Amino acid sequence: MTEADYPQVQAILQAGMDTGEATYERKAPEWEAFTSNRLMNLAYVAEESDTEHEPEILGWVTASPISHREVFKGVIEDSIYVSENATGKGVAGRLLDHLLKSAAEQGYWAMHSHIFPDNVGSMKLHESRGFTPVGVLHSMSMMEYGPKAGTWRDNMLMEIILEGGPAWEAYQNREEEDRTQPCNCD
């Protein structure tokens, strides 16, 4: 993703925001604010040529750090949006696949996603890529706009340990141990 892409990226973001099911924020930021909280080495667009053979961005994906703490430097959060023209065409899946692969190759070890529980499409997309629900974070913020204005909204926290990332082998070993150990549940 480059600054030249941003007018289309911003329009896709704003369209997602306008649904009231994508984020708490109301207005897509300008480029400088958009990039200030994102890892631009993990920012990608999907595009195709429109009828005039100009590039049309169909969707985008980025990652952000989950914390400023050094110990969590390998844990990131995804953000993914597609245009109305791309809905149902597999664009979101391809973007997320690319982000997962690139993040692991760059040394990140886990990815989180915060999703409104009502955003079934995003929940299914993330589950299809191996994300697992961690739990519901209750009343994270109040919606200030849209059909749910004035409502305290929950977020579903989902995670995936990145295959090929530095924590992958240890995670797999621990998962295997958990499967083979009898439950000491009284």
Protein backbone atom coordinates (compact mmCIF):
# COMPACT_ATOMS: atom_id res chain seq x y z
CA MET A 1 0.00 0.00 0.00
CA THR A 2 1.25 3.44 -0.90
CA GLU A 3 0.02 6.96 -0.31
CA ALA A 4 -1.18 7.00 -3.93
CA ASP A 5 -3.52 4.11 -3.06
CA TYR A 6 -4.97 5.92 -0.09
CA PRO A 7 -7.88 7.78 -1.67
CA GLN A 8 -9.41 4.44 -2.70
CA VAL A 9 -8.35 2.76 0.57
CA GLN A 10 -9.91 5.62 2.53
CA ALA A 11 -13.16 5.36 0.56
CA ILE A 12 -13.37 1.61 1.24
CA LEU A 13 -12.65 2.23 4.93
CA GLN A 14 -15.31 4.93 5.13
CA ALA A 15 -17.88 2.70 3.44
CA GLY A 16 -17.13 -0.01 6.02
CA MET A 17 -17.38 2.51 8.84
CA ASP A 18 -20.71 3.74 7.53
CA THR A 19 -22.23 0.28 8.09
CA GLY A 20 -21.69 0.60 11.83
CA GLU A 21 -20.42 -3.01 11.93
CA ALA A 22 -16.72 -2.49 11.27
CA THR A 23 -15.29 -0.18 13.91
CA TYR A 24 -16.18 2.29 16.61
CA GLU A 25 -14.64 5.17 14.69
CA ARG A 26 -16.88 7.31 12.54
CA LYS A 27 -14.54 9.00 10.03
CA ALA A 28 -11.67 7.54 8.02
CA PRO A 29 -8.45 9.35 8.92
CA GLU A 30 -6.08 11.16 6.61
CA TRP A 31 -2.98 9.29 5.40
CA GLU A 32 -0.63 10.45 8.16
CA ALA A 33 -3.00 9.39 10.93
CA PHE A 34 -3.80 6.13 9.12
CA THR A 35 -0.14 5.15 8.88
CA SER A 36 0.86 6.32 12.36
CA ASN A 37 -0.68 3.29 14.08
CA ARG A 38 -0.09 0.68 11.42
CA LEU A 39 2.87 -1.44 10.37
CA MET A 40 3.20 -0.31 6.79
CA ASN A 41 5.51 -3.24 6.01
CA LEU A 42 2.32 -5.28 6.47
CA ALA A 43 -0.11 -3.14 4.45
CA TYR A 44 -1.45 -4.56 1.20
CA VAL A 45 -4.09 -3.81 -1.41
CA ALA A 46 -5.89 -6.05 -3.88
CA GLU A 47 -6.55 -4.40 -7.18
CA GLU A 48 -7.72 -5.05 -10.70
CA SER A 49 -8.13 -2.85 -13.74
CA ASP A 50 -11.43 -1.06 -14.14
CA THR A 51 -13.19 -0.53 -17.49
CA GLU A 52 -10.76 2.30 -18.38
CA HIS A 53 -7.79 0.04 -17.48
CA GLU A 54 -7.09 2.12 -14.37
CA PRO A 55 -6.22 0.27 -11.18
CA GLU A 56 -9.25 -0.20 -8.95
CA ILE A 57 -8.57 -1.22 -5.36
CA LEU A 58 -10.95 -3.98 -4.28
CA GLY A 59 -9.78 -4.25 -0.70
CA TRP A 60 -6.94 -3.79 1.72
CA VAL A 61 -5.41 -5.31 4.82
CA THR A 62 -3.04 -3.93 7.43
CA ALA A 63 -1.57 -4.92 10.77
CA SER A 64 -1.04 -2.90 13.91
CA PRO A 65 0.91 -3.66 17.06
CA ILE A 66 -1.30 -4.82 19.93
CA SER A 67 0.91 -3.17 22.53
CA HIS A 68 3.78 -0.75 22.98
CA ARG A 69 5.49 -3.29 25.26
CA GLU A 70 8.60 -4.91 23.81
CA VAL A 71 7.63 -8.41 25.01
CA PHE A 72 4.56 -8.31 22.76
CA LYS A 73 6.35 -6.99 19.64
CA GLY A 74 5.51 -10.15 17.71
CA VAL A 75 1.76 -9.96 18.31
CA ILE A 76 -0.25 -7.89 15.86
CA GLU A 77 -3.88 -7.12 15.07
CA ASP A 78 -5.34 -7.25 11.58
CA SER A 79 -7.66 -4.81 9.87
CA ILE A 80 -9.32 -5.85 6.62
CA TYR A 81 -11.86 -4.10 4.42
CA VAL A 82 -13.21 -4.83 0.95
CA SER A 83 -15.22 -2.71 -1.43
CA GLU A 84 -18.81 -3.52 -2.23
CA ASN A 85 -17.61 -4.62 -5.71
CA ALA A 86 -15.37 -7.27 -4.10
CA THR A 87 -17.86 -8.79 -1.67
CA GLY A 88 -18.17 -12.54 -2.16
CA LYS A 89 -15.25 -12.80 -4.61
CA GLY A 90 -12.65 -14.19 -2.20
CA VAL A 91 -10.70 -10.92 -2.04
CA ALA A 92 -10.79 -10.73 1.77
CA GLY A 93 -9.55 -14.30 2.08
CA ARG A 94 -6.65 -13.73 -0.31
CA LEU A 95 -5.68 -10.54 1.49
CA LEU A 96 -5.80 -12.21 4.89
CA ASP A 97 -3.81 -15.21 3.60
CA HIS A 98 -1.14 -12.85 2.29
CA LEU A 99 -0.99 -10.95 5.57
CA LEU A 100 -0.70 -14.16 7.63
CA LYS A 101 2.13 -15.47 5.44
CA SER A 102 3.99 -12.16 5.31
CA ALA A 103 3.68 -11.59 9.04
CA ALA A 104 5.15 -15.02 9.83
CA GLU A 105 7.98 -14.46 7.35
CA GLN A 106 8.77 -11.14 9.04
CA GLY A 107 9.04 -12.77 12.47
CA TYR A 108 5.66 -12.03 14.00
CA TRP A 109 4.24 -14.93 16.01
CA ALA A 110 0.56 -14.22 16.66
CA MET A 111 -2.29 -12.22 15.20
CA HIS A 112 -5.40 -10.99 16.97
CA SER A 113 -8.63 -9.71 15.54
CA HIS A 114 -11.31 -7.72 17.36
CA ILE A 115 -14.66 -8.27 15.66
CA PHE A 116 -18.16 -7.13 16.50
CA PRO A 117 -20.05 -10.38 17.19
CA ASP A 118 -22.76 -9.21 14.75
CA ASN A 119 -20.17 -9.10 11.92
CA VAL A 120 -20.76 -12.71 10.92
CA GLY A 121 -18.87 -12.40 7.63
CA SER A 122 -15.68 -11.31 9.36
CA MET A 123 -16.07 -13.98 12.05
CA LYS A 124 -16.45 -16.69 9.39
CA LEU A 125 -13.52 -15.35 7.37
CA HIS A 126 -11.20 -15.43 10.37
CA GLU A 127 -12.40 -18.87 11.48
CA SER A 128 -11.80 -20.19 7.95
CA ARG A 129 -8.15 -19.14 8.28
CA GLY A 130 -7.63 -20.84 11.63
CA PHE A 131 -8.39 -18.02 14.05
CA THR A 132 -9.99 -19.26 17.25
CA PRO A 133 -12.29 -17.30 19.56
CA VAL A 134 -10.58 -16.27 22.78
CA GLY A 135 -13.59 -14.62 24.33
CA VAL A 136 -15.95 -11.69 24.35
CA LEU A 137 -14.70 -8.34 25.56
CA HIS A 138 -17.79 -6.68 26.98
CA SER A 139 -18.85 -3.06 26.54
CA MET A 140 -15.59 -2.02 24.92
CA SER A 141 -17.00 1.31 23.73
CA MET A 142 -20.24 3.05 22.95
CA MET A 143 -21.23 3.50 19.33
CA GLU A 144 -21.62 7.18 18.55
CA TYR A 145 -23.26 6.81 15.14
CA GLY A 146 -25.27 4.53 12.91
CA PRO A 147 -28.13 2.19 13.72
CA LYS A 148 -26.55 1.18 17.03
CA ALA A 149 -25.72 4.70 18.23
CA GLY A 150 -25.86 4.87 22.01
CA THR A 151 -25.26 1.13 22.37
CA TRP A 152 -22.32 -0.28 24.31
CA ARG A 153 -20.75 -2.79 21.90
CA ASP A 154 -18.87 -5.98 22.65
CA ASN A 155 -15.92 -7.33 20.68
CA MET A 156 -15.07 -10.95 20.00
CA LEU A 157 -11.33 -11.43 20.40
CA MET A 158 -9.93 -14.03 18.02
CA GLU A 159 -6.34 -15.20 17.66
CA ILE A 160 -4.08 -17.33 15.54
CA ILE A 161 -0.52 -18.45 16.15
CA LEU A 162 1.25 -17.81 12.87
CA GLU A 163 2.33 -20.96 11.07
CA GLY A 164 6.03 -20.66 10.33
CA GLY A 165 6.47 -17.85 12.83
CA PRO A 166 8.91 -18.13 15.74
CA ALA A 167 6.30 -19.48 18.21
CA TRP A 168 4.79 -22.05 15.85
CA GLU A 169 6.81 -25.12 16.85
CA ALA A 170 6.47 -24.51 20.59
CA TYR A 171 2.73 -23.91 20.15
CA GLN A 172 2.30 -27.13 18.19
CA ASN A 173 4.24 -29.10 20.83
CA ARG A 174 2.12 -27.65 23.61
CA GLU A 175 -1.09 -28.38 21.70
CA GLU A 176 0.03 -31.99 21.24
CA GLU A 177 0.84 -32.29 24.96
CA ASP A 178 -2.58 -30.85 25.83
CA ARG A 179 -4.27 -33.44 23.58
CA THR A 180 -2.39 -36.37 25.12
CA GLN A 181 -2.56 -35.36 28.80
CA PRO A 182 -5.53 -36.59 30.78
CA CYS A 183 -7.69 -33.85 32.18
CA ASN A 184 -7.24 -33.37 35.90
CA CYS A 185 -10.64 -31.73 36.17
CA ASP A 186 -12.50 -32.30 39.41
